Amino acid sequence: MEKKRFIIPILSILFGILIFTLSLISYSNKQYVESERLSSKKLYFGEKLLPNHIFYPFLMVVDKALISISTGESRVFLRIRMAQDRMISAKKLLEKDEEYLALSTLTKSQKYLILASNELFSQEDFSDETANALYVSLKDNTENLIKIEKMFKKLPTSPIADLIVESQTLLVIIENKIR
């Protein structure tokens, strides 16, 4: 009689541990499948290379090499071009419902312009033409960020909101410097 009294609670505890373990495994598999889908690369032709393309890392190597060999204002213009390219890529990724990658690409786009601003104004002899080009680019990119932020349906957009605030502050600073 005493053995039955201990067997039922022990079996109940083991059953609870089994259910808990299975739910953890199920949840982790779901997370793994989602992350696998996010990181899966595709091969396609006839379209713009987006961050989900197999050869995109090679394009990034070329971009980093170009940045490392460029100097001064040419580096600022290169970063402006790269920011615009990232903005276009982010829009296309959103059209393909790849929000995670689009968010990452959007933040990189704005960060290129922030880096270009820091680099330009660390120089004492920057040209008005370069400063104006940077201002216009940053303003356009920030306006695009505001529009695109509303297009996200699954992800929280707090990183975008933070970048918008930082960029608007930077716009005021640049505007004061170029006057």
N, C-alpha and C. Protein backbone atom coordinates (compact mmCIF):
# COMPACT_ATOMS: atom_id res chain seq x y z
N MET A 1 0.81 -1.19 0.00
CA MET A 1 0.00 0.00 0.00
C MET A 1 0.86 1.26 0.00
N GLU A 2 1.96 1.21 0.78
CA GLU A 2 2.82 2.37 0.86
C GLU A 2 3.53 2.64 -0.45
N LYS A 3 3.86 1.60 -1.22
CA LYS A 3 4.55 1.77 -2.50
C LYS A 3 3.66 2.53 -3.48
N LYS A 4 2.38 2.25 -3.50
CA LYS A 4 1.45 2.93 -4.40
C LYS A 4 1.35 4.41 -4.04
N ARG A 5 1.47 4.70 -2.79
CA ARG A 5 1.38 6.08 -2.33
C ARG A 5 2.55 6.92 -2.87
N PHE A 6 3.72 6.34 -3.05
CA PHE A 6 4.88 7.06 -3.55
C PHE A 6 4.98 7.00 -5.07
N ILE A 7 4.47 5.98 -5.68
CA ILE A 7 4.58 5.81 -7.13
C ILE A 7 3.80 6.88 -7.87
N ILE A 8 2.59 7.17 -7.47
CA ILE A 8 1.74 8.15 -8.16
C ILE A 8 2.37 9.55 -8.12
N PRO A 9 2.84 10.05 -6.96
CA PRO A 9 3.48 11.38 -6.98
C PRO A 9 4.76 11.41 -7.81
N ILE A 10 5.55 10.35 -7.74
CA ILE A 10 6.80 10.30 -8.53
C ILE A 10 6.48 10.28 -10.02
N LEU A 11 5.50 9.47 -10.42
CA LEU A 11 5.09 9.46 -11.83
C LEU A 11 4.53 10.81 -12.26
N SER A 12 3.81 11.49 -11.39
CA SER A 12 3.27 12.82 -11.71
C SER A 12 4.40 13.82 -11.91
N ILE A 13 5.40 13.77 -11.06
CA ILE A 13 6.56 14.67 -11.20
C ILE A 13 7.31 14.37 -12.49
N LEU A 14 7.56 13.10 -12.76
CA LEU A 14 8.24 12.72 -14.01
C LEU A 14 7.43 13.15 -15.23
N PHE A 15 6.12 12.98 -15.17
CA PHE A 15 5.25 13.40 -16.27
C PHE A 15 5.34 14.92 -16.47
N GLY A 16 5.35 15.67 -15.38
CA GLY A 16 5.48 17.14 -15.46
C GLY A 16 6.81 17.55 -16.07
N ILE A 17 7.89 16.86 -15.64
CA ILE A 17 9.22 17.15 -16.19
C ILE A 17 9.25 16.83 -17.68
N LEU A 18 8.63 15.75 -18.08
CA LEU A 18 8.57 15.35 -19.50
C LEU A 18 7.82 16.41 -20.32
N ILE A 19 6.69 16.86 -19.82
CA ILE A 19 5.92 17.89 -20.55
C ILE A 19 6.73 19.18 -20.65
N PHE A 20 7.36 19.58 -19.55
CA PHE A 20 8.18 20.79 -19.55
C PHE A 20 9.33 20.68 -20.55
N THR A 21 10.02 19.56 -20.58
CA THR A 21 11.14 19.34 -21.49
C THR A 21 10.67 19.36 -22.94
N LEU A 22 9.57 18.69 -23.22
CA LEU A 22 9.04 18.67 -24.59
C LEU A 22 8.63 20.07 -25.05
N SER A 23 8.05 20.85 -24.16
CA SER A 23 7.65 22.20 -24.55
C SER A 23 8.88 23.07 -24.82
N LEU A 24 9.94 22.90 -24.04
CA LEU A 24 11.19 23.64 -24.30
C LEU A 24 11.79 23.24 -25.64
N ILE A 25 11.80 21.97 -25.93
CA ILE A 25 12.34 21.48 -27.20
C ILE A 25 11.51 22.02 -28.35
N SER A 26 10.21 21.98 -28.21
CA SER A 26 9.32 22.48 -29.26
C SER A 26 9.54 23.97 -29.50
N TYR A 27 9.65 24.73 -28.43
CA TYR A 27 9.87 26.17 -28.54
C TYR A 27 11.21 26.47 -29.19
N SER A 28 12.26 25.77 -28.78
CA SER A 28 13.58 26.04 -29.35
C SER A 28 13.63 25.65 -30.82
N ASN A 29 12.94 24.60 -31.21
CA ASN A 29 12.88 24.23 -32.62
C ASN A 29 12.17 25.29 -33.43
N LYS A 30 11.12 25.85 -32.88
CA LYS A 30 10.39 26.91 -33.56
C LYS A 30 11.31 28.12 -33.74
N GLN A 31 12.06 28.48 -32.71
CA GLN A 31 12.98 29.61 -32.80
C GLN A 31 14.08 29.30 -33.81
N TYR A 32 14.57 28.07 -33.84
CA TYR A 32 15.61 27.70 -34.77
C TYR A 32 15.12 27.79 -36.21
N VAL A 33 13.92 27.32 -36.46
CA VAL A 33 13.35 27.38 -37.81
C VAL A 33 13.20 28.83 -38.24
N GLU A 34 12.75 29.70 -37.34
CA GLU A 34 12.59 31.12 -37.65
C GLU A 34 13.94 31.76 -37.95
N SER A 35 14.95 31.48 -37.13
CA SER A 35 16.27 32.07 -37.37
C SER A 35 16.90 31.49 -38.63
N GLU A 36 16.61 30.22 -38.91
CA GLU A 36 17.13 29.60 -40.13
C GLU A 36 16.51 30.28 -41.35
N ARG A 37 15.23 30.58 -41.27
CA ARG A 37 14.55 31.25 -42.37
C ARG A 37 15.12 32.66 -42.56
N LEU A 38 15.44 33.32 -41.45
CA LEU A 38 15.96 34.68 -41.53
C LEU A 38 17.35 34.71 -42.14
N SER A 39 18.14 33.72 -41.81
CA SER A 39 19.51 33.75 -42.27
C SER A 39 19.70 33.00 -43.59
N SER A 40 18.63 32.46 -44.13
CA SER A 40 18.79 31.71 -45.37
C SER A 40 19.08 32.67 -46.52
N LYS A 41 20.03 32.30 -47.30
CA LYS A 41 20.44 33.11 -48.45
C LYS A 41 19.79 32.53 -49.70
N LYS A 42 19.54 33.40 -50.66
CA LYS A 42 18.90 32.98 -51.89
C LYS A 42 19.79 33.32 -53.07
N LEU A 43 19.57 32.62 -54.14
CA LEU A 43 20.27 32.90 -55.38
C LEU A 43 19.22 33.29 -56.41
N TYR A 44 19.32 34.49 -56.90
CA TYR A 44 18.39 34.96 -57.94
C TYR A 44 19.16 35.85 -58.90
N PHE A 45 18.63 35.99 -60.08
CA PHE A 45 19.28 36.78 -61.13
C PHE A 45 18.30 37.81 -61.68
N GLY A 46 18.84 38.84 -62.27
CA GLY A 46 18.01 39.83 -62.94
C GLY A 46 17.41 40.86 -62.00
N GLU A 47 17.76 40.80 -60.74
CA GLU A 47 17.28 41.77 -59.76
C GLU A 47 18.46 42.39 -59.05
N LYS A 48 18.19 43.45 -58.32
CA LYS A 48 19.20 44.08 -57.49
C LYS A 48 19.62 43.09 -56.40
N LEU A 49 20.92 43.04 -56.13
CA LEU A 49 21.42 42.17 -55.06
C LEU A 49 21.00 42.76 -53.72
N LEU A 50 20.25 42.00 -52.98
CA LEU A 50 19.78 42.41 -51.65
C LEU A 50 20.56 41.63 -50.60
N PRO A 51 20.47 42.05 -49.34
CA PRO A 51 21.19 41.33 -48.28
C PRO A 51 20.83 39.86 -48.13
N ASN A 52 19.75 39.41 -48.76
CA ASN A 52 19.40 37.99 -48.68
C ASN A 52 20.01 37.17 -49.82
N HIS A 53 20.83 37.78 -50.64
CA HIS A 53 21.46 37.11 -51.78
C HIS A 53 22.74 36.42 -51.35
N ILE A 54 23.04 35.30 -51.99
CA ILE A 54 24.24 34.52 -51.66
C ILE A 54 25.51 35.34 -51.84
N PHE A 55 25.56 36.18 -52.87
CA PHE A 55 26.78 36.92 -53.18
C PHE A 55 26.86 38.28 -52.48
N TYR A 56 25.88 38.62 -51.68
CA TYR A 56 25.87 39.91 -51.00
C TYR A 56 27.10 40.13 -50.10
N PRO A 57 27.57 39.13 -49.37
CA PRO A 57 28.79 39.34 -48.55
C PRO A 57 29.99 39.79 -49.38
N PHE A 58 30.08 39.31 -50.61
CA PHE A 58 31.19 39.75 -51.48
C PHE A 58 31.04 41.23 -51.83
N LEU A 59 29.82 41.66 -52.03
CA LEU A 59 29.55 43.07 -52.30
C LEU A 59 29.95 43.93 -51.09
N MET A 60 29.70 43.42 -49.91
CA MET A 60 30.07 44.15 -48.69
C MET A 60 31.59 44.26 -48.55
N VAL A 61 32.30 43.23 -48.96
CA VAL A 61 33.76 43.28 -48.93
C VAL A 61 34.25 44.37 -49.86
N VAL A 62 33.66 44.46 -51.04
CA VAL A 62 34.04 45.50 -52.00
C VAL A 62 33.74 46.88 -51.42
N ASP A 63 32.58 47.03 -50.79
CA ASP A 63 32.22 48.31 -50.18
C ASP A 63 33.22 48.70 -49.09
N LYS A 64 33.58 47.76 -48.24
CA LYS A 64 34.54 48.05 -47.17
C LYS A 64 35.91 48.40 -47.74
N ALA A 65 36.29 47.73 -48.82
CA ALA A 65 37.56 48.05 -49.46
C ALA A 65 37.54 49.46 -50.05
N LEU A 66 36.44 49.81 -50.68
CA LEU A 66 36.31 51.17 -51.23
C LEU A 66 36.38 52.23 -50.14
N ILE A 67 35.73 51.96 -49.02
CA ILE A 67 35.77 52.92 -47.91
C ILE A 67 37.19 53.05 -47.37
N SER A 68 37.89 51.93 -47.28
CA SER A 68 39.24 51.97 -46.70
C SER A 68 40.24 52.68 -47.60
N ILE A 69 40.04 52.66 -48.92
CA ILE A 69 41.00 53.33 -49.80
C ILE A 69 40.60 54.77 -50.14
N SER A 70 39.35 55.13 -49.85
CA SER A 70 38.94 56.50 -50.13
C SER A 70 39.29 57.39 -48.94
N THR A 71 39.39 58.68 -49.21
CA THR A 71 39.74 59.63 -48.16
C THR A 71 38.91 60.90 -48.30
N GLY A 72 38.86 61.63 -47.21
CA GLY A 72 38.25 62.95 -47.21
C GLY A 72 36.82 62.98 -47.72
N GLU A 73 36.58 63.94 -48.60
CA GLU A 73 35.23 64.15 -49.10
C GLU A 73 34.75 63.03 -50.02
N SER A 74 35.69 62.36 -50.69
CA SER A 74 35.26 61.24 -51.54
C SER A 74 34.69 60.11 -50.68
N ARG A 75 35.23 59.94 -49.48
CA ARG A 75 34.70 58.94 -48.56
C ARG A 75 33.30 59.33 -48.08
N VAL A 76 33.08 60.63 -47.87
CA VAL A 76 31.76 61.11 -47.46
C VAL A 76 30.74 60.82 -48.56
N PHE A 77 31.10 61.14 -49.81
CA PHE A 77 30.19 60.88 -50.93
C PHE A 77 29.94 59.38 -51.12
N LEU A 78 30.97 58.58 -50.88
CA LEU A 78 30.81 57.13 -50.97
C LEU A 78 29.83 56.63 -49.91
N ARG A 79 29.94 57.12 -48.71
CA ARG A 79 29.01 56.73 -47.65
C ARG A 79 27.58 57.19 -47.97
N ILE A 80 27.45 58.35 -48.58
CA ILE A 80 26.12 58.83 -48.99
C ILE A 80 25.52 57.87 -50.00
N ARG A 81 26.32 57.47 -50.99
CA ARG A 81 25.84 56.53 -52.01
C ARG A 81 25.46 55.19 -51.39
N MET A 82 26.27 54.72 -50.46
CA MET A 82 25.98 53.44 -49.81
C MET A 82 24.72 53.53 -48.94
N ALA A 83 24.50 54.67 -48.32
CA ALA A 83 23.28 54.85 -47.51
C ALA A 83 22.05 54.83 -48.40
N GLN A 84 22.15 55.48 -49.55
CA GLN A 84 21.01 55.48 -50.47
C GLN A 84 20.74 54.08 -51.00
N ASP A 85 21.80 53.36 -51.29
CA ASP A 85 21.66 51.98 -51.77
C ASP A 85 21.00 51.10 -50.71
N ARG A 86 21.39 51.26 -49.45
CA ARG A 86 20.79 50.48 -48.37
C ARG A 86 19.31 50.83 -48.19
N MET A 87 18.98 52.09 -48.36
CA MET A 87 17.58 52.50 -48.23
C MET A 87 16.72 51.82 -49.30
N ILE A 88 17.22 51.80 -50.52
CA ILE A 88 16.50 51.13 -51.62
C ILE A 88 16.36 49.64 -51.32
N SER A 89 17.44 49.03 -50.85
CA SER A 89 17.41 47.61 -50.51
C SER A 89 16.40 47.32 -49.39
N ALA A 90 16.37 48.18 -48.39
CA ALA A 90 15.43 47.97 -47.28
C ALA A 90 13.99 48.04 -47.76
N LYS A 91 13.70 48.96 -48.65
CA LYS A 91 12.34 49.06 -49.19
C LYS A 91 11.97 47.78 -49.94
N LYS A 92 12.90 47.28 -50.73
CA LYS A 92 12.63 46.05 -51.49
C LYS A 92 12.45 44.85 -50.56
N LEU A 93 13.23 44.80 -49.50
CA LEU A 93 13.08 43.71 -48.53
C LEU A 93 11.73 43.78 -47.84
N LEU A 94 11.27 44.98 -47.54
CA LEU A 94 9.94 45.11 -46.93
C LEU A 94 8.85 44.66 -47.89
N GLU A 95 9.04 44.95 -49.18
CA GLU A 95 8.07 44.49 -50.18
C GLU A 95 8.02 42.98 -50.22
N LYS A 96 9.15 42.32 -49.93
CA LYS A 96 9.22 40.86 -49.92
C LYS A 96 8.87 40.29 -48.55
N ASP A 97 8.41 41.14 -47.64
CA ASP A 97 7.99 40.75 -46.30
C ASP A 97 9.15 40.15 -45.49
N GLU A 98 10.33 40.71 -45.64
CA GLU A 98 11.49 40.29 -44.86
C GLU A 98 11.85 41.42 -43.90
N GLU A 99 11.04 41.57 -42.87
CA GLU A 99 11.15 42.70 -41.96
C GLU A 99 12.45 42.71 -41.15
N TYR A 100 12.89 41.54 -40.70
CA TYR A 100 14.11 41.49 -39.88
C TYR A 100 15.30 42.03 -40.66
N LEU A 101 15.45 41.57 -41.87
CA LEU A 101 16.55 42.01 -42.71
C LEU A 101 16.37 43.46 -43.13
N ALA A 102 15.14 43.86 -43.37
CA ALA A 102 14.86 45.26 -43.75
C ALA A 102 15.23 46.21 -42.61
N LEU A 103 14.91 45.83 -41.38
CA LEU A 103 15.23 46.68 -40.23
C LEU A 103 16.74 46.85 -40.10
N SER A 104 17.45 45.76 -40.22
CA SER A 104 18.91 45.81 -40.14
C SER A 104 19.49 46.68 -41.25
N THR A 105 18.97 46.54 -42.44
CA THR A 105 19.45 47.31 -43.58
C THR A 105 19.13 48.79 -43.42
N LEU A 106 17.95 49.10 -42.90
CA LEU A 106 17.58 50.50 -42.65
C LEU A 106 18.51 51.16 -41.65
N THR A 107 18.79 50.47 -40.58
CA THR A 107 19.66 51.07 -39.57
C THR A 107 21.07 51.28 -40.12
N LYS A 108 21.54 50.36 -40.95
CA LYS A 108 22.86 50.54 -41.57
C LYS A 108 22.85 51.74 -42.51
N SER A 109 21.77 51.93 -43.20
CA SER A 109 21.65 53.06 -44.11
C SER A 109 21.83 54.37 -43.35
N GLN A 110 21.13 54.52 -42.27
CA GLN A 110 21.20 55.77 -41.51
C GLN A 110 22.55 55.91 -40.83
N LYS A 111 23.12 54.81 -40.39
CA LYS A 111 24.42 54.87 -39.73
C LYS A 111 25.52 55.30 -40.68
N TYR A 112 25.41 54.93 -41.96
CA TYR A 112 26.38 55.41 -42.94
C TYR A 112 26.37 56.93 -43.00
N LEU A 113 25.20 57.52 -42.96
CA LEU A 113 25.10 58.98 -43.03
C LEU A 113 25.60 59.63 -41.73
N ILE A 114 25.34 59.00 -40.62
CA ILE A 114 25.84 59.52 -39.35
C ILE A 114 27.37 59.46 -39.33
N LEU A 115 27.93 58.37 -39.80
CA LEU A 115 29.40 58.26 -39.89
C LEU A 115 29.97 59.29 -40.86
N ALA A 116 29.29 59.51 -41.97
CA ALA A 116 29.75 60.51 -42.94
C ALA A 116 29.73 61.90 -42.31
N SER A 117 28.71 62.19 -41.53
CA SER A 117 28.62 63.49 -40.84
C SER A 117 29.77 63.67 -39.87
N ASN A 118 30.01 62.65 -39.07
CA ASN A 118 31.12 62.72 -38.11
C ASN A 118 32.45 62.91 -38.82
N GLU A 119 32.62 62.19 -39.90
CA GLU A 119 33.88 62.28 -40.63
C GLU A 119 34.06 63.65 -41.29
N LEU A 120 32.99 64.15 -41.89
CA LEU A 120 33.09 65.44 -42.58
C LEU A 120 33.40 66.57 -41.60
N PHE A 121 32.72 66.59 -40.49
CA PHE A 121 32.89 67.71 -39.57
C PHE A 121 34.07 67.55 -38.63
N SER A 122 34.76 66.43 -38.73
CA SER A 122 36.01 66.29 -38.01
C SER A 122 37.13 66.98 -38.80
N GLN A 123 36.88 67.24 -40.08
CA GLN A 123 37.82 67.98 -40.91
C GLN A 123 37.58 69.47 -40.73
N GLU A 124 38.64 70.23 -40.77
CA GLU A 124 38.49 71.68 -40.60
C GLU A 124 38.13 72.37 -41.91
N ASP A 125 38.52 71.78 -43.02
CA ASP A 125 38.34 72.46 -44.30
C ASP A 125 37.36 71.71 -45.21
N PHE A 126 36.17 71.45 -44.72
CA PHE A 126 35.18 70.77 -45.54
C PHE A 126 34.53 71.78 -46.48
N SER A 127 34.14 71.30 -47.65
CA SER A 127 33.51 72.19 -48.63
C SER A 127 32.02 72.32 -48.37
N ASP A 128 31.48 73.48 -48.75
CA ASP A 128 30.04 73.71 -48.59
C ASP A 128 29.24 72.74 -49.45
N GLU A 129 29.78 72.40 -50.62
CA GLU A 129 29.09 71.48 -51.53
C GLU A 129 28.90 70.11 -50.87
N THR A 130 29.93 69.60 -50.24
CA THR A 130 29.86 68.31 -49.57
C THR A 130 28.91 68.36 -48.38
N ALA A 131 29.02 69.44 -47.60
CA ALA A 131 28.14 69.58 -46.44
C ALA A 131 26.68 69.68 -46.86
N ASN A 132 26.40 70.40 -47.94
CA ASN A 132 25.02 70.51 -48.43
C ASN A 132 24.52 69.17 -48.96
N ALA A 133 25.37 68.45 -49.67
CA ALA A 133 24.98 67.12 -50.19
C ALA A 133 24.67 66.18 -49.03
N LEU A 134 25.47 66.23 -48.00
CA LEU A 134 25.24 65.39 -46.83
C LEU A 134 23.95 65.79 -46.13
N TYR A 135 23.71 67.07 -45.99
CA TYR A 135 22.49 67.56 -45.35
C TYR A 135 21.25 67.08 -46.11
N VAL A 136 21.26 67.25 -47.44
CA VAL A 136 20.11 66.84 -48.25
C VAL A 136 19.90 65.33 -48.15
N SER A 137 20.98 64.58 -48.21
CA SER A 137 20.89 63.12 -48.12
C SER A 137 20.33 62.68 -46.77
N LEU A 138 20.85 63.25 -45.71
CA LEU A 138 20.40 62.90 -44.36
C LEU A 138 18.94 63.27 -44.18
N LYS A 139 18.55 64.41 -44.70
CA LYS A 139 17.15 64.84 -44.59
C LYS A 139 16.23 63.88 -45.35
N ASP A 140 16.62 63.54 -46.59
CA ASP A 140 15.81 62.60 -47.39
C ASP A 140 15.73 61.23 -46.72
N ASN A 141 16.86 60.75 -46.24
CA ASN A 141 16.89 59.44 -45.60
C ASN A 141 16.03 59.43 -44.33
N THR A 142 16.08 60.50 -43.56
CA THR A 142 15.29 60.58 -42.34
C THR A 142 13.80 60.61 -42.67
N GLU A 143 13.43 61.35 -43.70
CA GLU A 143 12.02 61.38 -44.13
C GLU A 143 11.57 59.99 -44.59
N ASN A 144 12.45 59.29 -45.31
CA ASN A 144 12.13 57.91 -45.73
C ASN A 144 11.97 56.99 -44.52
N LEU A 145 12.83 57.17 -43.52
CA LEU A 145 12.72 56.36 -42.30
C LEU A 145 11.37 56.56 -41.63
N ILE A 146 10.93 57.81 -41.57
CA ILE A 146 9.64 58.11 -40.94
C ILE A 146 8.51 57.41 -41.69
N LYS A 147 8.58 57.42 -43.03
CA LYS A 147 7.54 56.77 -43.84
C LYS A 147 7.60 55.24 -43.70
N ILE A 148 8.80 54.72 -43.77
CA ILE A 148 8.99 53.26 -43.76
C ILE A 148 8.67 52.66 -42.39
N GLU A 149 8.90 53.42 -41.33
CA GLU A 149 8.64 52.91 -39.98
C GLU A 149 7.20 52.41 -39.85
N LYS A 150 6.27 53.04 -40.55
CA LYS A 150 4.86 52.66 -40.48
C LYS A 150 4.55 51.37 -41.25
N MET A 151 5.48 50.94 -42.09
CA MET A 151 5.25 49.76 -42.92
C MET A 151 5.54 48.45 -42.18
N PHE A 152 6.22 48.54 -41.05
CA PHE A 152 6.55 47.33 -40.29
C PHE A 152 5.31 46.83 -39.56
N LYS A 153 5.04 45.56 -39.70
CA LYS A 153 3.85 44.98 -39.08
C LYS A 153 4.20 44.03 -37.94
N LYS A 154 5.34 43.32 -38.05
CA LYS A 154 5.70 42.28 -37.07
C LYS A 154 6.68 42.76 -36.01
N LEU A 155 7.57 43.64 -36.38
CA LEU A 155 8.67 44.01 -35.49
C LEU A 155 8.43 45.34 -34.79
N PRO A 156 8.94 45.47 -33.58
CA PRO A 156 8.93 46.79 -32.95
C PRO A 156 9.95 47.68 -33.66
N THR A 157 9.62 48.93 -33.84
CA THR A 157 10.48 49.82 -34.62
C THR A 157 11.21 50.84 -33.75
N SER A 158 11.46 50.50 -32.51
CA SER A 158 12.16 51.44 -31.63
C SER A 158 13.56 51.79 -32.14
N PRO A 159 14.32 50.88 -32.77
CA PRO A 159 15.62 51.31 -33.32
C PRO A 159 15.47 52.39 -34.39
N ILE A 160 14.42 52.29 -35.17
CA ILE A 160 14.19 53.30 -36.21
C ILE A 160 13.83 54.63 -35.55
N ALA A 161 12.97 54.58 -34.54
CA ALA A 161 12.59 55.81 -33.85
C ALA A 161 13.80 56.48 -33.22
N ASP A 162 14.70 55.70 -32.64
CA ASP A 162 15.92 56.26 -32.06
C ASP A 162 16.79 56.92 -33.13
N LEU A 163 16.92 56.26 -34.27
CA LEU A 163 17.71 56.83 -35.36
C LEU A 163 17.09 58.11 -35.91
N ILE A 164 15.78 58.16 -35.95
CA ILE A 164 15.09 59.36 -36.43
C ILE A 164 15.41 60.54 -35.51
N VAL A 165 15.32 60.32 -34.22
CA VAL A 165 15.62 61.39 -33.26
C VAL A 165 17.07 61.83 -33.39
N GLU A 166 17.99 60.87 -33.46
CA GLU A 166 19.42 61.19 -33.61
C GLU A 166 19.68 61.95 -34.90
N SER A 167 19.02 61.53 -35.97
CA SER A 167 19.22 62.17 -37.27
C SER A 167 18.65 63.58 -37.30
N GLN A 168 17.50 63.78 -36.67
CA GLN A 168 16.92 65.12 -36.63
C GLN A 168 17.81 66.07 -35.83
N THR A 169 18.41 65.59 -34.78
CA THR A 169 19.36 66.40 -34.02
C THR A 169 20.58 66.73 -34.88
N LEU A 170 21.06 65.73 -35.58
CA LEU A 170 22.22 65.92 -36.45
C LEU A 170 21.90 66.89 -37.59
N LEU A 171 20.70 66.86 -38.10
CA LEU A 171 20.29 67.80 -39.15
C LEU A 171 20.39 69.25 -38.66
N VAL A 172 19.96 69.49 -37.43
CA VAL A 172 20.05 70.84 -36.86
C VAL A 172 21.51 71.26 -36.73
N ILE A 173 22.35 70.35 -36.28
CA ILE A 173 23.78 70.65 -36.12
C ILE A 173 24.40 70.96 -37.48
N ILE A 174 24.10 70.13 -38.48
CA ILE A 174 24.67 70.36 -39.82
C ILE A 174 24.17 71.68 -40.38
N GLU A 175 22.89 71.96 -40.21
CA GLU A 175 22.32 73.20 -40.72
C GLU A 175 23.03 74.40 -40.10
N ASN A 176 23.34 74.34 -38.83
CA ASN A 176 24.06 75.43 -38.17
C ASN A 176 25.49 75.56 -38.67
N LYS A 177 26.12 74.44 -39.02
CA LYS A 177 27.50 74.48 -39.49
C LYS A 177 27.62 75.01 -40.92
N ILE A 178 26.60 74.78 -41.72
CA ILE A 178 26.71 75.19 -43.13
C ILE A 178 26.17 76.60 -43.38
N ARG A 179 25.66 77.24 -42.37
CA ARG A 179 25.17 78.62 -42.54
C ARG A 179 26.30 79.58 -42.67
